[in-house]
Amino acid sequence: MLIPSIRKIHNHNSDKVIGFSYSHRMNGLIPWESTLERDWLLHLEANPSVKTIQSQPQRFDYCLNGKWHLYTPDFEVHWKDALNRLPTIYEVKPEEISADNEFNEEANAIGFRLSQLGYEFIVVDSKIIRDGNHLKNLNHLKHYADIFVTHRDRQLIADYLLKEGPCTLAWLAIRLNGKYLSLCGLYHLLWEGWLEYDKQKIINPLLKVHLAEEVKNDYSA
């Protein structure tokens, strides 16, 4: 299923790199118009606080230098209710554009208008999206997004980590004797945000992991 978008994405007579990414969160395909948008979409898909993601959702009008313009954002994100956070409009740009004064003047005008309409506005650039090892890790973990981990497995992991503290993925799998959970299941829990790790380190069996704070509260109660 293709998630609805206000703009029809095509590459007829265009140099744009376009495509679609499957979203487990949205149970459908989400379009993008650049590899940078694709990579930011992966960040959003892996963010456990995200409730919904929509690409190019709607158009907004904004005023700049006394003239009205139309703006179509890259992504609109709604957050889980517990966060009590405004929906966020994301604009994705290369770093050289996000640093440009003319673009920033336009972005400020868009941000002001969106704040009047009840939205948060954030510009994310290539430095934010591709800095360090986090994106590389997400590209690895996305292959485990559809792995199912039972409540029993989660309880065993939570009990062990609450008692012993952070440990490596390999040691955790060994302690569980491999009968209940493989590394694949642990990778899924990292993707889900149920387990956390130092996102600047490359994911490997010797990576230390710990329970997410929210999970820790649930299982220690």
N, C-alpha and C. Protein backbone atom coordinates (compact mmCIF):
# COMPACT_ATOMS: atom_id res chain seq x y z
N MET A 1 0.85 -1.19 0.00
CA MET A 1 0.00 0.00 0.00
C MET A 1 0.88 1.24 0.00
N LEU A 2 0.54 2.20 -0.84
CA LEU A 2 1.26 3.47 -0.90
C LEU A 2 0.59 4.47 0.03
N ILE A 3 1.37 5.02 0.98
CA ILE A 3 0.83 6.02 1.90
C ILE A 3 0.53 7.29 1.10
N PRO A 4 -0.68 7.87 1.20
CA PRO A 4 -1.06 9.05 0.40
C PRO A 4 -0.10 10.22 0.57
N SER A 5 0.13 10.93 -0.53
CA SER A 5 1.01 12.10 -0.54
C SER A 5 0.38 13.17 -1.42
N ILE A 6 0.59 14.43 -1.08
CA ILE A 6 -0.03 15.53 -1.82
C ILE A 6 0.60 15.70 -3.20
N ARG A 7 1.88 15.34 -3.31
CA ARG A 7 2.60 15.54 -4.56
C ARG A 7 2.84 14.21 -5.26
N LYS A 8 2.61 14.18 -6.56
CA LYS A 8 2.88 12.96 -7.33
C LYS A 8 4.38 12.91 -7.63
N ILE A 9 5.01 11.83 -7.18
CA ILE A 9 6.45 11.72 -7.34
C ILE A 9 6.77 10.94 -8.61
N HIS A 10 7.55 11.56 -9.50
CA HIS A 10 7.99 10.88 -10.72
C HIS A 10 9.33 11.46 -11.11
N ASN A 11 10.01 10.79 -12.01
CA ASN A 11 11.31 11.29 -12.46
C ASN A 11 11.35 11.51 -13.97
N HIS A 12 10.20 11.84 -14.55
CA HIS A 12 10.16 12.14 -15.97
C HIS A 12 10.97 13.41 -16.24
N ASN A 13 11.95 13.32 -17.12
CA ASN A 13 12.78 14.47 -17.48
C ASN A 13 13.37 15.15 -16.24
N SER A 14 13.81 14.34 -15.29
CA SER A 14 14.33 14.90 -14.04
C SER A 14 15.59 14.16 -13.63
N ASP A 15 16.49 14.87 -12.94
CA ASP A 15 17.71 14.25 -12.44
C ASP A 15 17.54 13.75 -11.01
N LYS A 16 16.33 13.86 -10.48
CA LYS A 16 16.09 13.45 -9.10
C LYS A 16 16.24 11.94 -8.94
N VAL A 17 16.77 11.55 -7.78
CA VAL A 17 16.80 10.15 -7.40
C VAL A 17 15.57 9.91 -6.54
N ILE A 18 14.63 9.12 -7.02
CA ILE A 18 13.38 8.94 -6.29
C ILE A 18 13.14 7.47 -5.99
N GLY A 19 12.25 7.22 -5.07
CA GLY A 19 11.93 5.84 -4.75
C GLY A 19 10.93 5.75 -3.61
N PHE A 20 10.78 4.55 -3.09
CA PHE A 20 9.84 4.28 -2.01
C PHE A 20 10.51 3.38 -0.98
N SER A 21 10.22 3.61 0.28
CA SER A 21 10.71 2.75 1.35
C SER A 21 9.51 2.16 2.08
N TYR A 22 9.61 0.86 2.39
CA TYR A 22 8.52 0.23 3.14
C TYR A 22 8.61 0.63 4.60
N SER A 23 7.48 1.03 5.16
CA SER A 23 7.40 1.42 6.57
C SER A 23 6.61 0.37 7.34
N HIS A 24 7.28 -0.32 8.27
CA HIS A 24 6.57 -1.25 9.14
C HIS A 24 5.62 -0.48 10.06
N ARG A 25 6.04 0.72 10.42
CA ARG A 25 5.21 1.55 11.31
C ARG A 25 3.90 1.95 10.63
N MET A 26 3.96 2.26 9.35
CA MET A 26 2.78 2.71 8.61
C MET A 26 2.15 1.60 7.78
N ASN A 27 2.82 0.46 7.73
CA ASN A 27 2.31 -0.69 6.97
C ASN A 27 2.07 -0.33 5.51
N GLY A 28 3.06 0.34 4.91
CA GLY A 28 2.92 0.75 3.52
C GLY A 28 4.18 1.41 3.00
N LEU A 29 4.15 1.83 1.74
CA LEU A 29 5.29 2.46 1.10
C LEU A 29 5.24 3.98 1.29
N ILE A 30 6.37 4.55 1.65
CA ILE A 30 6.49 6.01 1.80
C ILE A 30 7.45 6.52 0.73
N PRO A 31 7.02 7.48 -0.09
CA PRO A 31 7.89 7.98 -1.17
C PRO A 31 8.93 8.98 -0.68
N TRP A 32 10.03 9.06 -1.42
CA TRP A 32 11.06 10.08 -1.16
C TRP A 32 11.62 10.55 -2.50
N GLU A 33 12.22 11.74 -2.47
CA GLU A 33 12.70 12.36 -3.71
C GLU A 33 14.21 12.58 -3.73
N SER A 34 14.91 12.04 -2.76
CA SER A 34 16.37 12.11 -2.74
C SER A 34 16.88 11.05 -1.78
N THR A 35 18.13 10.66 -1.95
CA THR A 35 18.69 9.67 -1.02
C THR A 35 18.79 10.25 0.39
N LEU A 36 18.91 11.57 0.49
CA LEU A 36 18.96 12.20 1.81
C LEU A 36 17.60 12.07 2.51
N GLU A 37 16.51 12.28 1.76
CA GLU A 37 15.17 12.06 2.32
C GLU A 37 15.00 10.60 2.72
N ARG A 38 15.47 9.69 1.88
CA ARG A 38 15.39 8.26 2.19
C ARG A 38 16.09 7.94 3.51
N ASP A 39 17.26 8.53 3.70
CA ASP A 39 18.03 8.25 4.92
C ASP A 39 17.37 8.85 6.15
N TRP A 40 16.76 10.03 6.01
CA TRP A 40 16.06 10.62 7.16
C TRP A 40 14.82 9.81 7.50
N LEU A 41 14.17 9.30 6.48
CA LEU A 41 13.01 8.45 6.69
C LEU A 41 13.38 7.22 7.53
N LEU A 42 14.57 6.70 7.31
CA LEU A 42 15.04 5.56 8.10
C LEU A 42 15.21 5.95 9.57
N HIS A 43 15.72 7.14 9.83
CA HIS A 43 15.82 7.64 11.21
C HIS A 43 14.43 7.70 11.85
N LEU A 44 13.47 8.24 11.12
CA LEU A 44 12.11 8.37 11.66
C LEU A 44 11.48 7.00 11.90
N GLU A 45 11.67 6.10 10.96
CA GLU A 45 11.09 4.76 11.08
C GLU A 45 11.61 4.04 12.32
N ALA A 46 12.86 4.30 12.67
CA ALA A 46 13.48 3.61 13.81
C ALA A 46 13.26 4.33 15.14
N ASN A 47 12.65 5.50 15.10
CA ASN A 47 12.44 6.28 16.33
C ASN A 47 11.21 5.74 17.07
N PRO A 48 11.39 5.17 18.27
CA PRO A 48 10.25 4.56 18.97
C PRO A 48 9.19 5.55 19.42
N SER A 49 9.50 6.84 19.40
CA SER A 49 8.53 7.85 19.83
C SER A 49 7.58 8.26 18.71
N VAL A 50 7.89 7.86 17.48
CA VAL A 50 7.08 8.25 16.32
C VAL A 50 5.82 7.40 16.24
N LYS A 51 4.70 8.08 16.02
CA LYS A 51 3.41 7.39 15.85
C LYS A 51 3.08 7.21 14.37
N THR A 52 3.15 8.29 13.59
CA THR A 52 2.87 8.22 12.15
C THR A 52 3.86 9.08 11.38
N ILE A 53 4.11 8.67 10.13
CA ILE A 53 4.98 9.41 9.21
C ILE A 53 4.25 9.57 7.89
N GLN A 54 4.28 10.78 7.34
CA GLN A 54 3.69 10.98 6.02
C GLN A 54 4.64 11.84 5.20
N SER A 55 4.87 11.43 3.96
CA SER A 55 5.73 12.18 3.05
C SER A 55 4.90 13.20 2.30
N GLN A 56 5.41 14.44 2.20
CA GLN A 56 4.76 15.52 1.45
C GLN A 56 3.26 15.52 1.72
N PRO A 57 2.87 15.75 2.96
CA PRO A 57 1.49 15.52 3.41
C PRO A 57 0.47 16.54 2.92
N GLN A 58 0.85 17.81 2.91
CA GLN A 58 -0.09 18.87 2.56
C GLN A 58 0.69 20.14 2.25
N ARG A 59 0.00 21.13 1.70
CA ARG A 59 0.65 22.40 1.39
C ARG A 59 0.26 23.45 2.42
N PHE A 60 1.21 24.32 2.73
CA PHE A 60 0.98 25.42 3.65
C PHE A 60 1.32 26.73 2.95
N ASP A 61 0.57 27.78 3.26
CA ASP A 61 0.95 29.10 2.76
C ASP A 61 1.75 29.83 3.83
N TYR A 62 2.70 30.66 3.39
CA TYR A 62 3.51 31.46 4.32
C TYR A 62 3.87 32.78 3.65
N CYS A 63 4.18 33.75 4.46
CA CYS A 63 4.48 35.09 3.96
C CYS A 63 5.97 35.39 4.11
N LEU A 64 6.58 35.84 3.02
CA LEU A 64 7.99 36.22 3.03
C LEU A 64 8.15 37.53 2.27
N ASN A 65 8.67 38.54 2.95
CA ASN A 65 8.88 39.86 2.35
C ASN A 65 7.60 40.41 1.72
N GLY A 66 6.49 40.22 2.43
CA GLY A 66 5.22 40.78 2.00
C GLY A 66 4.50 40.00 0.92
N LYS A 67 5.04 38.85 0.51
CA LYS A 67 4.39 38.04 -0.52
C LYS A 67 4.06 36.66 0.03
N TRP A 68 2.93 36.12 -0.42
CA TRP A 68 2.50 34.80 0.03
C TRP A 68 3.01 33.73 -0.92
N HIS A 69 3.47 32.62 -0.34
CA HIS A 69 4.01 31.50 -1.11
C HIS A 69 3.39 30.20 -0.61
N LEU A 70 3.51 29.15 -1.41
CA LEU A 70 3.06 27.81 -1.00
C LEU A 70 4.28 26.96 -0.67
N TYR A 71 4.16 26.20 0.39
CA TYR A 71 5.25 25.33 0.84
C TYR A 71 4.75 23.90 0.98
N THR A 72 5.44 22.95 0.37
CA THR A 72 5.14 21.52 0.53
C THR A 72 6.29 20.89 1.30
N PRO A 73 6.06 20.46 2.52
CA PRO A 73 7.15 19.90 3.33
C PRO A 73 7.54 18.50 2.88
N ASP A 74 8.69 18.06 3.36
CA ASP A 74 9.16 16.71 3.03
C ASP A 74 8.43 15.64 3.85
N PHE A 75 8.33 15.86 5.17
CA PHE A 75 7.68 14.87 6.03
C PHE A 75 6.88 15.55 7.14
N GLU A 76 5.79 14.91 7.51
CA GLU A 76 5.02 15.31 8.69
C GLU A 76 5.00 14.11 9.65
N VAL A 77 5.37 14.37 10.89
CA VAL A 77 5.45 13.30 11.89
C VAL A 77 4.54 13.62 13.06
N HIS A 78 3.76 12.64 13.47
CA HIS A 78 2.97 12.75 14.69
C HIS A 78 3.57 11.81 15.72
N TRP A 79 3.59 12.28 16.96
CA TRP A 79 4.28 11.57 18.03
C TRP A 79 3.30 10.80 18.91
N LYS A 80 3.82 9.83 19.63
CA LYS A 80 2.98 9.06 20.54
C LYS A 80 2.37 9.99 21.58
N ASP A 81 1.12 9.70 21.94
CA ASP A 81 0.33 10.61 22.78
C ASP A 81 1.01 10.95 24.09
N ALA A 82 1.74 10.00 24.68
CA ALA A 82 2.36 10.22 25.99
C ALA A 82 3.36 11.37 25.97
N LEU A 83 3.91 11.69 24.80
CA LEU A 83 4.91 12.76 24.71
C LEU A 83 4.28 14.14 24.78
N ASN A 84 2.99 14.23 24.42
CA ASN A 84 2.30 15.52 24.40
C ASN A 84 3.09 16.54 23.57
N ARG A 85 3.55 16.11 22.41
CA ARG A 85 4.40 16.94 21.55
C ARG A 85 3.63 17.34 20.30
N LEU A 86 3.86 18.57 19.84
CA LEU A 86 3.21 19.04 18.62
C LEU A 86 3.66 18.20 17.42
N PRO A 87 2.79 18.03 16.42
CA PRO A 87 3.24 17.36 15.19
C PRO A 87 4.39 18.15 14.58
N THR A 88 5.32 17.44 13.97
CA THR A 88 6.53 18.07 13.46
C THR A 88 6.59 18.00 11.95
N ILE A 89 6.90 19.14 11.35
CA ILE A 89 7.15 19.23 9.91
C ILE A 89 8.67 19.23 9.72
N TYR A 90 9.15 18.30 8.88
CA TYR A 90 10.59 18.22 8.62
C TYR A 90 10.90 18.63 7.19
N GLU A 91 11.92 19.46 7.06
CA GLU A 91 12.47 19.82 5.75
C GLU A 91 13.89 19.25 5.69
N VAL A 92 14.19 18.49 4.66
CA VAL A 92 15.49 17.82 4.52
C VAL A 92 16.31 18.53 3.45
N LYS A 93 17.52 18.96 3.82
CA LYS A 93 18.38 19.69 2.89
C LYS A 93 19.84 19.25 3.03
N PRO A 94 20.62 19.37 1.95
CA PRO A 94 22.07 19.20 2.07
C PRO A 94 22.63 20.29 3.00
N GLU A 95 23.76 20.01 3.62
CA GLU A 95 24.32 20.93 4.60
C GLU A 95 24.63 22.30 3.99
N GLU A 96 25.10 22.31 2.74
CA GLU A 96 25.46 23.59 2.13
C GLU A 96 24.24 24.49 1.91
N ILE A 97 23.07 23.89 1.72
CA ILE A 97 21.85 24.68 1.57
C ILE A 97 21.33 25.13 2.92
N SER A 98 21.37 24.25 3.92
CA SER A 98 20.86 24.61 5.24
C SER A 98 21.67 25.74 5.88
N ALA A 99 22.91 25.92 5.42
CA ALA A 99 23.76 26.99 5.96
C ALA A 99 23.62 28.29 5.18
N ASP A 100 22.85 28.29 4.11
CA ASP A 100 22.69 29.46 3.26
C ASP A 100 21.76 30.49 3.90
N ASN A 101 22.15 31.75 3.90
CA ASN A 101 21.37 32.81 4.57
C ASN A 101 20.00 32.99 3.93
N GLU A 102 19.94 32.94 2.61
CA GLU A 102 18.66 33.12 1.92
C GLU A 102 17.69 31.99 2.28
N PHE A 103 18.21 30.76 2.32
CA PHE A 103 17.36 29.64 2.71
C PHE A 103 16.88 29.79 4.15
N ASN A 104 17.77 30.23 5.03
CA ASN A 104 17.39 30.38 6.44
C ASN A 104 16.33 31.46 6.64
N GLU A 105 16.38 32.50 5.83
CA GLU A 105 15.34 33.53 5.89
C GLU A 105 13.98 32.93 5.52
N GLU A 106 13.99 32.12 4.47
CA GLU A 106 12.76 31.45 4.04
C GLU A 106 12.29 30.45 5.10
N ALA A 107 13.23 29.69 5.66
CA ALA A 107 12.88 28.69 6.67
C ALA A 107 12.29 29.34 7.92
N ASN A 108 12.82 30.49 8.30
CA ASN A 108 12.28 31.21 9.46
C ASN A 108 10.84 31.65 9.22
N ALA A 109 10.56 32.10 7.99
CA ALA A 109 9.19 32.51 7.65
C ALA A 109 8.25 31.31 7.67
N ILE A 110 8.72 30.19 7.15
CA ILE A 110 7.90 28.97 7.16
C ILE A 110 7.67 28.51 8.59
N GLY A 111 8.73 28.52 9.40
CA GLY A 111 8.61 28.10 10.79
C GLY A 111 7.63 28.95 11.58
N PHE A 112 7.66 30.26 11.33
CA PHE A 112 6.74 31.16 12.03
C PHE A 112 5.29 30.85 11.66
N ARG A 113 5.06 30.64 10.37
CA ARG A 113 3.70 30.33 9.92
C ARG A 113 3.22 28.99 10.49
N LEU A 114 4.07 28.00 10.47
CA LEU A 114 3.68 26.68 10.98
C LEU A 114 3.41 26.71 12.48
N SER A 115 4.15 27.54 13.20
CA SER A 115 3.90 27.66 14.65
C SER A 115 2.51 28.24 14.91
N GLN A 116 2.06 29.13 14.02
CA GLN A 116 0.70 29.68 14.14
C GLN A 116 -0.36 28.61 13.90
N LEU A 117 0.01 27.61 13.09
CA LEU A 117 -0.93 26.55 12.73
C LEU A 117 -0.83 25.33 13.65
N GLY A 118 0.04 25.42 14.66
CA GLY A 118 0.14 24.32 15.63
C GLY A 118 1.13 23.24 15.28
N TYR A 119 2.18 23.59 14.53
CA TYR A 119 3.21 22.63 14.16
C TYR A 119 4.58 23.08 14.66
N GLU A 120 5.44 22.11 14.87
CA GLU A 120 6.86 22.35 15.09
C GLU A 120 7.54 22.21 13.73
N PHE A 121 8.53 23.05 13.45
CA PHE A 121 9.22 23.00 12.16
C PHE A 121 10.71 22.79 12.40
N ILE A 122 11.27 21.76 11.76
CA ILE A 122 12.69 21.44 11.94
C ILE A 122 13.33 21.18 10.58
N VAL A 123 14.47 21.82 10.36
CA VAL A 123 15.29 21.54 9.17
C VAL A 123 16.38 20.56 9.58
N VAL A 124 16.46 19.44 8.88
CA VAL A 124 17.54 18.47 9.13
C VAL A 124 18.42 18.41 7.89
N ASP A 125 19.73 18.44 8.11
CA ASP A 125 20.64 18.44 6.96
C ASP A 125 21.49 17.18 6.94
N SER A 126 22.34 17.10 5.92
CA SER A 126 23.13 15.89 5.70
C SER A 126 24.07 15.59 6.85
N LYS A 127 24.55 16.62 7.54
CA LYS A 127 25.45 16.39 8.68
C LYS A 127 24.71 15.68 9.80
N ILE A 128 23.49 16.13 10.09
CA ILE A 128 22.68 15.49 11.13
C ILE A 128 22.32 14.06 10.73
N ILE A 129 21.95 13.88 9.48
CA ILE A 129 21.43 12.59 9.02
C ILE A 129 22.52 11.54 8.86
N ARG A 130 23.68 11.96 8.37
CA ARG A 130 24.71 10.97 8.00
C ARG A 130 25.96 11.01 8.85
N ASP A 131 25.96 11.80 9.90
CA ASP A 131 27.14 11.91 10.75
C ASP A 131 27.34 10.63 11.57
N GLY A 132 28.57 10.20 11.72
CA GLY A 132 28.88 9.06 12.58
C GLY A 132 28.39 7.73 12.01
N ASN A 133 28.18 6.77 12.91
CA ASN A 133 27.82 5.41 12.51
C ASN A 133 26.33 5.10 12.64
N HIS A 134 25.54 6.05 13.13
CA HIS A 134 24.14 5.75 13.43
C HIS A 134 23.36 5.29 12.20
N LEU A 135 23.53 5.99 11.08
CA LEU A 135 22.80 5.62 9.87
C LEU A 135 23.22 4.23 9.38
N LYS A 136 24.52 3.96 9.45
CA LYS A 136 25.01 2.64 9.05
C LYS A 136 24.38 1.55 9.91
N ASN A 137 24.26 1.83 11.21
CA ASN A 137 23.62 0.87 12.12
C ASN A 137 22.15 0.65 11.76
N LEU A 138 21.46 1.74 11.45
CA LEU A 138 20.04 1.62 11.10
C LEU A 138 19.85 0.80 9.82
N ASN A 139 20.74 0.98 8.87
CA ASN A 139 20.65 0.20 7.63
C ASN A 139 20.87 -1.29 7.90
N HIS A 140 21.65 -1.59 8.93
CA HIS A 140 21.84 -2.98 9.34
C HIS A 140 20.60 -3.50 10.07
N LEU A 141 20.11 -2.72 11.02
CA LEU A 141 19.01 -3.17 11.88
C LEU A 141 17.68 -3.29 11.14
N LYS A 142 17.49 -2.51 10.07
CA LYS A 142 16.19 -2.53 9.39
C LYS A 142 15.84 -3.91 8.84
N HIS A 143 16.86 -4.74 8.62
CA HIS A 143 16.61 -6.09 8.10
C HIS A 143 15.99 -7.00 9.15
N TYR A 144 15.96 -6.53 10.40
CA TYR A 144 15.39 -7.34 11.49
C TYR A 144 14.10 -6.72 12.02
N ALA A 145 13.55 -5.77 11.27
CA ALA A 145 12.37 -5.04 11.75
C ALA A 145 11.14 -5.92 11.91
N ASP A 146 11.05 -6.99 11.12
CA ASP A 146 9.85 -7.83 11.18
C ASP A 146 10.04 -9.11 12.00
N ILE A 147 11.15 -9.20 12.73
CA ILE A 147 11.37 -10.35 13.62
C ILE A 147 10.43 -10.23 14.82
N PHE A 148 9.81 -11.33 15.20
CA PHE A 148 8.90 -11.32 16.35
C PHE A 148 9.64 -11.79 17.60
N VAL A 149 9.52 -11.02 18.67
CA VAL A 149 10.12 -11.37 19.96
C VAL A 149 9.00 -11.54 20.97
N THR A 150 8.91 -12.69 21.57
CA THR A 150 7.80 -13.00 22.48
C THR A 150 7.91 -12.24 23.80
N HIS A 151 6.81 -12.19 24.50
CA HIS A 151 6.80 -11.58 25.83
C HIS A 151 7.73 -12.34 26.77
N ARG A 152 7.77 -13.66 26.64
CA ARG A 152 8.65 -14.47 27.47
C ARG A 152 10.11 -14.08 27.27
N ASP A 153 10.51 -13.93 26.01
CA ASP A 153 11.88 -13.53 25.70
C ASP A 153 12.20 -12.17 26.32
N ARG A 154 11.29 -11.24 26.17
CA ARG A 154 11.50 -9.90 26.71
C ARG A 154 11.64 -9.94 28.23
N GLN A 155 10.82 -10.75 28.87
CA GLN A 155 10.87 -10.86 30.33
C GLN A 155 12.22 -11.42 30.78
N LEU A 156 12.72 -12.44 30.08
CA LEU A 156 14.01 -13.04 30.41
C LEU A 156 15.14 -12.02 30.27
N ILE A 157 15.11 -11.28 29.18
CA ILE A 157 16.15 -10.27 28.94
C ILE A 157 16.08 -9.17 29.99
N ALA A 158 14.87 -8.68 30.25
CA ALA A 158 14.70 -7.61 31.23
C ALA A 158 15.16 -8.05 32.61
N ASP A 159 14.79 -9.25 33.01
CA ASP A 159 15.20 -9.76 34.33
C ASP A 159 16.71 -9.82 34.45
N TYR A 160 17.36 -10.29 33.39
CA TYR A 160 18.82 -10.43 33.43
C TYR A 160 19.50 -9.07 33.48
N LEU A 161 19.09 -8.15 32.61
CA LEU A 161 19.74 -6.84 32.55
C LEU A 161 19.46 -5.99 33.78
N LEU A 162 18.27 -6.14 34.36
CA LEU A 162 17.98 -5.41 35.59
C LEU A 162 18.85 -5.89 36.74
N LYS A 163 19.19 -7.16 36.72
CA LYS A 163 20.01 -7.73 37.78
C LYS A 163 21.50 -7.49 37.55
N GLU A 164 21.96 -7.71 36.30
CA GLU A 164 23.39 -7.69 36.00
C GLU A 164 23.88 -6.39 35.39
N GLY A 165 22.97 -5.59 34.85
CA GLY A 165 23.39 -4.36 34.19
C GLY A 165 23.77 -4.59 32.74
N PRO A 166 24.31 -3.58 32.05
CA PRO A 166 24.63 -3.69 30.62
C PRO A 166 25.58 -4.85 30.33
N CYS A 167 25.38 -5.49 29.19
CA CYS A 167 26.28 -6.56 28.76
C CYS A 167 26.28 -6.63 27.24
N THR A 168 27.19 -7.40 26.68
CA THR A 168 27.28 -7.48 25.22
C THR A 168 26.15 -8.34 24.66
N LEU A 169 25.87 -8.11 23.40
CA LEU A 169 24.84 -8.91 22.72
C LEU A 169 25.20 -10.40 22.75
N ALA A 170 26.48 -10.70 22.49
CA ALA A 170 26.91 -12.09 22.46
C ALA A 170 26.73 -12.75 23.83
N TRP A 171 27.11 -12.05 24.89
CA TRP A 171 26.99 -12.61 26.24
C TRP A 171 25.53 -12.80 26.61
N LEU A 172 24.70 -11.87 26.21
CA LEU A 172 23.27 -11.98 26.51
C LEU A 172 22.68 -13.21 25.82
N ALA A 173 23.08 -13.43 24.57
CA ALA A 173 22.59 -14.60 23.83
C ALA A 173 23.08 -15.89 24.48
N ILE A 174 24.33 -15.89 24.95
CA ILE A 174 24.89 -17.07 25.61
C ILE A 174 24.16 -17.35 26.92
N ARG A 175 23.91 -16.30 27.68
CA ARG A 175 23.25 -16.47 28.98
C ARG A 175 21.85 -17.03 28.81
N LEU A 176 21.24 -16.74 27.68
CA LEU A 176 19.91 -17.28 27.41
C LEU A 176 20.00 -18.64 26.71
N ASN A 177 21.25 -19.13 26.56
CA ASN A 177 21.50 -20.46 26.00
C ASN A 177 21.03 -20.63 24.56
N GLY A 178 20.66 -19.53 23.91
CA GLY A 178 20.23 -19.62 22.52
C GLY A 178 18.92 -20.36 22.33
N LYS A 179 18.28 -20.77 23.41
CA LYS A 179 17.05 -21.54 23.29
C LYS A 179 15.85 -20.63 23.01
N TYR A 180 15.91 -19.43 23.53
CA TYR A 180 14.75 -18.56 23.44
C TYR A 180 14.94 -17.42 22.44
N LEU A 181 16.19 -17.00 22.27
CA LEU A 181 16.40 -15.80 21.47
C LEU A 181 17.77 -15.84 20.80
N SER A 182 17.81 -15.50 19.53
CA SER A 182 19.06 -15.42 18.79
C SER A 182 19.50 -13.96 18.70
N LEU A 183 20.66 -13.74 18.08
CA LEU A 183 21.10 -12.37 17.84
C LEU A 183 20.09 -11.62 16.98
N CYS A 184 19.41 -12.33 16.09
CA CYS A 184 18.41 -11.68 15.23
C CYS A 184 17.34 -11.01 16.07
N GLY A 185 16.87 -11.70 17.11
CA GLY A 185 15.86 -11.13 17.99
C GLY A 185 16.39 -9.93 18.76
N LEU A 186 17.65 -10.01 19.18
CA LEU A 186 18.26 -8.88 19.90
C LEU A 186 18.42 -7.68 18.97
N TYR A 187 18.78 -7.93 17.72
CA TYR A 187 18.88 -6.84 16.75
C TYR A 187 17.51 -6.18 16.55
N HIS A 188 16.46 -6.99 16.55
CA HIS A 188 15.12 -6.40 16.43
C HIS A 188 14.83 -5.48 17.61
N LEU A 189 15.21 -5.89 18.80
CA LEU A 189 14.95 -5.07 19.99
C LEU A 189 15.74 -3.76 19.96
N LEU A 190 16.92 -3.79 19.32
CA LEU A 190 17.67 -2.55 19.13
C LEU A 190 16.95 -1.65 18.13
N TRP A 191 16.45 -2.23 17.05
CA TRP A 191 15.69 -1.47 16.06
C TRP A 191 14.46 -0.83 16.69
N GLU A 192 13.79 -1.60 17.52
CA GLU A 192 12.55 -1.16 18.16
C GLU A 192 12.79 -0.09 19.21
N GLY A 193 14.03 0.00 19.71
CA GLY A 193 14.33 0.94 20.79
C GLY A 193 14.09 0.35 22.17
N TRP A 194 13.75 -0.92 22.22
CA TRP A 194 13.51 -1.62 23.49
C TRP A 194 14.84 -1.79 24.22
N LEU A 195 15.88 -2.11 23.45
CA LEU A 195 17.26 -2.11 23.95
C LEU A 195 17.96 -0.88 23.40
N GLU A 196 18.87 -0.32 24.18
CA GLU A 196 19.61 0.86 23.73
C GLU A 196 21.11 0.58 23.73
N TYR A 197 21.84 1.42 22.99
CA TYR A 197 23.29 1.24 22.84
C TYR A 197 23.91 2.57 22.47
N ASP A 198 25.24 2.62 22.47
CA ASP A 198 25.95 3.81 22.03
C ASP A 198 25.86 3.88 20.51
N LYS A 199 25.07 4.81 20.00
CA LYS A 199 24.76 4.84 18.57
C LYS A 199 25.94 5.25 17.70
N GLN A 200 27.02 5.70 18.31
CA GLN A 200 28.20 6.04 17.52
C GLN A 200 29.13 4.85 17.34
N LYS A 201 28.81 3.73 17.97
CA LYS A 201 29.60 2.52 17.80
C LYS A 201 28.94 1.61 16.76
N ILE A 202 29.76 0.90 16.01
CA ILE A 202 29.25 -0.03 15.01
C ILE A 202 28.62 -1.24 15.71
N ILE A 203 27.43 -1.62 15.25
CA ILE A 203 26.76 -2.78 15.85
C ILE A 203 27.51 -4.06 15.50
N ASN A 204 27.80 -4.84 16.54
CA ASN A 204 28.45 -6.13 16.40
C ASN A 204 28.14 -6.95 17.65
N PRO A 205 28.42 -8.24 17.67
CA PRO A 205 28.07 -9.07 18.82
C PRO A 205 28.70 -8.63 20.14
N LEU A 206 29.79 -7.86 20.07
CA LEU A 206 30.46 -7.42 21.29
C LEU A 206 29.98 -6.05 21.78
N LEU A 207 28.96 -5.52 21.12
CA LEU A 207 28.39 -4.23 21.52
C LEU A 207 27.63 -4.37 22.84
N LYS A 208 27.88 -3.46 23.77
CA LYS A 208 27.15 -3.47 25.04
C LYS A 208 25.78 -2.82 24.88
N VAL A 209 24.77 -3.43 25.48
CA VAL A 209 23.41 -2.93 25.40
C VAL A 209 22.79 -2.85 26.79
N HIS A 210 21.75 -2.04 26.90
CA HIS A 210 21.01 -1.93 28.16
C HIS A 210 19.54 -1.67 27.84
N LEU A 211 18.70 -1.82 28.84
CA LEU A 211 17.27 -1.57 28.64
C LEU A 211 17.00 -0.08 28.46
N ALA A 212 16.09 0.25 27.56
CA ALA A 212 15.63 1.64 27.46
C ALA A 212 14.97 2.03 28.77
N GLU A 213 15.08 3.30 29.13
CA GLU A 213 14.58 3.76 30.43
C GLU A 213 13.09 3.45 30.60
N GLU A 214 12.33 3.66 29.55
CA GLU A 214 10.89 3.40 29.59
C GLU A 214 10.61 1.92 29.85
N VAL A 215 11.41 1.06 29.22
CA VAL A 215 11.26 -0.39 29.40
C VAL A 215 11.66 -0.78 30.81
N LYS A 216 12.74 -0.18 31.28
CA LYS A 216 13.22 -0.47 32.64
C LYS A 216 12.14 -0.16 33.67
N ASN A 217 11.46 0.95 33.47
CA ASN A 217 10.38 1.32 34.40
C ASN A 217 9.24 0.31 34.35
N ASP A 218 8.93 -0.18 33.16
CA ASP A 218 7.83 -1.15 33.01
C ASP A 218 8.13 -2.47 33.71
N TYR A 219 9.38 -2.93 33.60
CA TYR A 219 9.71 -4.26 34.12
C TYR A 219 10.20 -4.25 35.56
N SER A 220 10.57 -3.09 36.06
CA SER A 220 11.03 -3.03 37.45
C SER A 220 9.91 -2.67 38.41
N ALA A 221 8.73 -2.32 37.84
CA ALA A 221 7.59 -1.93 38.69
C ALA A 221 7.06 -3.13 39.46
